[in-house]
C-alpha atoms as a PDB file:
ATOM      1  CA  MET A   1       9.265   7.287  20.959  1.00  0.00           C
ATOM      2  CA  SER A   2       5.688   8.179  20.071  1.00  0.00           C
ATOM      3  CA  GLU A   3       3.982   6.722  17.028  1.00  0.00           C
ATOM      4  CA  LEU A   4       2.128   9.074  14.694  1.00  0.00           C
ATOM      5  CA  PHE A   5      -1.593   8.287  14.538  1.00  0.00           C
ATOM      6  CA  LEU A   6      -2.442   9.219  10.950  1.00  0.00           C
ATOM      7  CA  GLU A   7      -5.741  10.936  10.295  1.00  0.00           C
ATOM      8  CA  VAL A   8      -7.458  12.423   7.277  1.00  0.00           C
ATOM      9  CA  HIS A   9      -6.284  15.979   8.096  1.00  0.00           C
ATOM     10  CA  HIS A  10      -2.649  14.882   7.596  1.00  0.00           C
ATOM     11  CA  PHE A  11      -3.358  14.140   3.914  1.00  0.00           C
ATOM     12  CA  GLU A  12      -6.000  16.660   2.780  1.00  0.00           C
ATOM     13  CA  PRO A  13      -3.397  19.405   2.121  1.00  0.00           C
ATOM     14  CA  LEU A  14      -1.351  16.933   0.054  1.00  0.00           C
ATOM     15  CA  VAL A  15      -4.009  16.254  -2.606  1.00  0.00           C
ATOM     16  CA  GLY A  16      -2.504  17.025  -6.019  1.00  0.00           C
ATOM     17  CA  LYS A  17       1.088  16.586  -4.798  1.00  0.00           C
ATOM     18  CA  THR A  18       3.519  13.943  -6.029  1.00  0.00           C
ATOM     19  CA  ALA A  19       4.589  11.116  -3.762  1.00  0.00           C
ATOM     20  CA  ARG A  20       7.565   8.822  -4.302  1.00  0.00           C
ATOM     21  CA  PHE A  21       7.565   5.279  -2.967  1.00  0.00           C
ATOM     22  CA  GLY A  22      10.817   4.044  -1.427  1.00  0.00           C
ATOM     23  CA  GLY A  23      12.589   1.198  -3.188  1.00  0.00           C
ATOM     24  CA  THR A  24      10.506   1.637  -6.360  1.00  0.00           C
ATOM     25  CA  PRO A  25      10.640   3.829  -9.483  1.00  0.00           C
ATOM     26  CA  PHE A  26       7.033   4.924  -8.841  1.00  0.00           C
ATOM     27  CA  ALA A  27       6.031   8.561  -8.414  1.00  0.00           C
ATOM     28  CA  MET A  28       2.280   9.146  -8.140  1.00  0.00           C
ATOM     29  CA  THR A  29      -0.108  11.993  -7.527  1.00  0.00           C
ATOM     30  CA  LEU A  30      -2.321  11.859  -4.468  1.00  0.00           C
ATOM     31  CA  GLU A  31      -5.570  12.089  -6.422  1.00  0.00           C
ATOM     32  CA  ALA A  32      -8.131  12.009  -3.611  1.00  0.00           C
ATOM     33  CA  VAL A  33      -8.769  11.545   0.096  1.00  0.00           C
ATOM     34  CA  SER A  34     -12.102   9.893   0.839  1.00  0.00           C
ATOM     35  CA  LYS A  35     -13.433  10.104   4.383  1.00  0.00           C
ATOM     36  CA  GLY A  36     -15.857   7.520   5.739  1.00  0.00           C
ATOM     37  CA  GLN A  37     -17.998   7.280   8.849  1.00  0.00           C
ATOM     38  CA  LYS A  38     -17.065   5.540  12.067  1.00  0.00           C
ATOM     39  CA  PHE A  39     -18.438   2.020  12.072  1.00  0.00           C
ATOM     40  CA  LEU A  40     -18.157   1.838  15.878  1.00  0.00           C
ATOM     41  CA  PRO A  41     -18.753   4.731  18.257  1.00  0.00           C
ATOM     42  CA  THR A  42     -15.587   3.715  20.132  1.00  0.00           C
ATOM     43  CA  ALA A  43     -13.349   3.831  17.021  1.00  0.00           C
ATOM     44  CA  LYS A  44     -10.299   6.068  17.513  1.00  0.00           C
ATOM     45  CA  ARG A  45     -10.678   7.822  14.160  1.00  0.00           C
ATOM     46  CA  ASP A  46     -12.939   8.204  11.161  1.00  0.00           C
ATOM     47  CA  PRO A  47     -11.897   5.732   8.457  1.00  0.00           C
ATOM     48  CA  PHE A  48     -10.488   7.151   5.231  1.00  0.00           C
ATOM     49  CA  LEU A  49      -8.668   6.084   2.123  1.00  0.00           C
ATOM     50  CA  LEU A  50      -6.074   7.644  -0.129  1.00  0.00           C
ATOM     51  CA  ILE A  51      -6.168   7.242  -3.896  1.00  0.00           C
ATOM     52  CA  PHE A  52      -2.883   7.636  -5.762  1.00  0.00           C
ATOM     53  CA  ARG A  53      -2.722   7.758  -9.562  1.00  0.00           C
ATOM     54  CA  SER A  54       0.102   7.056 -11.983  1.00  0.00           C
ATOM     55  CA  ARG A  55       0.452   6.514 -15.704  1.00  0.00           C
ATOM     56  CA  ARG A  56      -0.084   2.868 -16.572  1.00  0.00           C
ATOM     57  CA  GLU A  57       3.210   1.033 -16.919  1.00  0.00           C
ATOM     58  CA  PRO A  58       3.803  -2.492 -18.219  1.00  0.00           C
ATOM     59  CA  TYR A  59       4.192  -3.503 -14.545  1.00  0.00           C
ATOM     60  CA  PHE A  60       2.471  -2.670 -11.257  1.00  0.00           C
ATOM     61  CA  MET A  61       3.854  -1.651  -7.927  1.00  0.00           C
ATOM     62  CA  ARG A  62       3.243  -4.675  -5.708  1.00  0.00           C
ATOM     63  CA  GLU A  63       1.060  -4.239  -2.678  1.00  0.00           C
ATOM     64  CA  GLY A  64       2.956  -3.814   0.542  1.00  0.00           C
ATOM     65  CA  ILE A  65       4.322  -1.377   3.085  1.00  0.00           C
ATOM     66  CA  TYR A  66       6.275   1.505   1.556  1.00  0.00           C
ATOM     67  CA  ASP A  67       7.804   4.762   2.669  1.00  0.00           C
ATOM     68  CA  CYS A  68       5.782   7.433   0.881  1.00  0.00           C
ATOM     69  CA  ALA A  69       7.684  10.719   0.515  1.00  0.00           C
ATOM     70  CA  PHE A  70       5.714  13.724  -0.691  1.00  0.00           C
ATOM     71  CA  ASP A  71       7.641  16.309  -2.702  1.00  0.00           C
ATOM     72  CA  ASP A  72       8.447  19.226  -0.375  1.00  0.00           C
ATOM     73  CA  GLY A  73       6.524  17.500   2.398  1.00  0.00           C
ATOM     74  CA  PRO A  74       6.417  14.694   4.921  1.00  0.00           C
ATOM     75  CA  THR A  75       7.265  11.011   4.591  1.00  0.00           C
ATOM     76  CA  TYR A  76       4.885   8.369   5.916  1.00  0.00           C
ATOM     77  CA  SER A  77       5.040   4.585   5.934  1.00  0.00           C
ATOM     78  CA  PHE A  78       1.849   2.655   5.116  1.00  0.00           C
ATOM     79  CA  TYR A  79       0.341  -0.270   3.217  1.00  0.00           C
ATOM     80  CA  ILE A  80      -0.699   0.440  -0.371  1.00  0.00           C
ATOM     81  CA  SER A  81      -2.193  -1.766  -3.081  1.00  0.00           C
ATOM     82  CA  PRO A  82      -3.177  -1.480  -6.743  1.00  0.00           C
ATOM     83  CA  VAL A  83      -6.896  -1.285  -7.513  1.00  0.00           C
ATOM     84  CA  HIS A  84      -8.969  -1.828 -10.640  1.00  0.00           C
ATOM     85  CA  THR A  85      -8.755   1.304 -12.788  1.00  0.00           C
ATOM     86  CA  PRO A  86     -11.075   1.449 -15.827  1.00  0.00           C
ATOM     87  CA  GLU A  87      -9.174   4.229 -17.649  1.00  0.00           C
ATOM     88  CA  GLN A  88      -6.635   2.622 -19.995  1.00  0.00           C
ATOM     89  CA  GLU A  89      -3.867   5.191 -19.473  1.00  0.00           C
ATOM     90  CA  TRP A  90      -3.991   5.275 -15.641  1.00  0.00           C
ATOM     91  CA  GLN A  91      -3.369   2.962 -12.719  1.00  0.00           C
ATOM     92  CA  ASP A  92      -4.759   3.765  -9.279  1.00  0.00           C
ATOM     93  CA  TYR A  93      -3.466   2.574  -5.916  1.00  0.00           C
ATOM     94  CA  GLN A  94      -5.108   2.877  -2.521  1.00  0.00           C
ATOM     95  CA  ALA A  95      -4.099   3.075   1.111  1.00  0.00           C
ATOM     96  CA  VAL A  96      -6.903   2.310   3.592  1.00  0.00           C
ATOM     97  CA  PHE A  97      -7.024   3.612   7.158  1.00  0.00           C
ATOM     98  CA  SER A  98      -9.748   2.259   9.446  1.00  0.00           C
END
């Protein structure tokens, strides 16, 4: 069984699409994909992060590993965590790939 090595090009077409996180009631929009630069020439990929956005609820989705199923698209499993979001009506979450 081969493991999928996730890269930025897997997510760029999914910006603006809704993702649902397994075992939770959360459905969020993939708001942005931010690509960084390799910090080591020998790194296997360019680092990137995903920013998901949801309406602020009275509770947060806890950080952890979740299955992330995009509507009419693929399902991936990765670590996601809430991040400080200054807008009162929104809550952002990020997944970091380095």
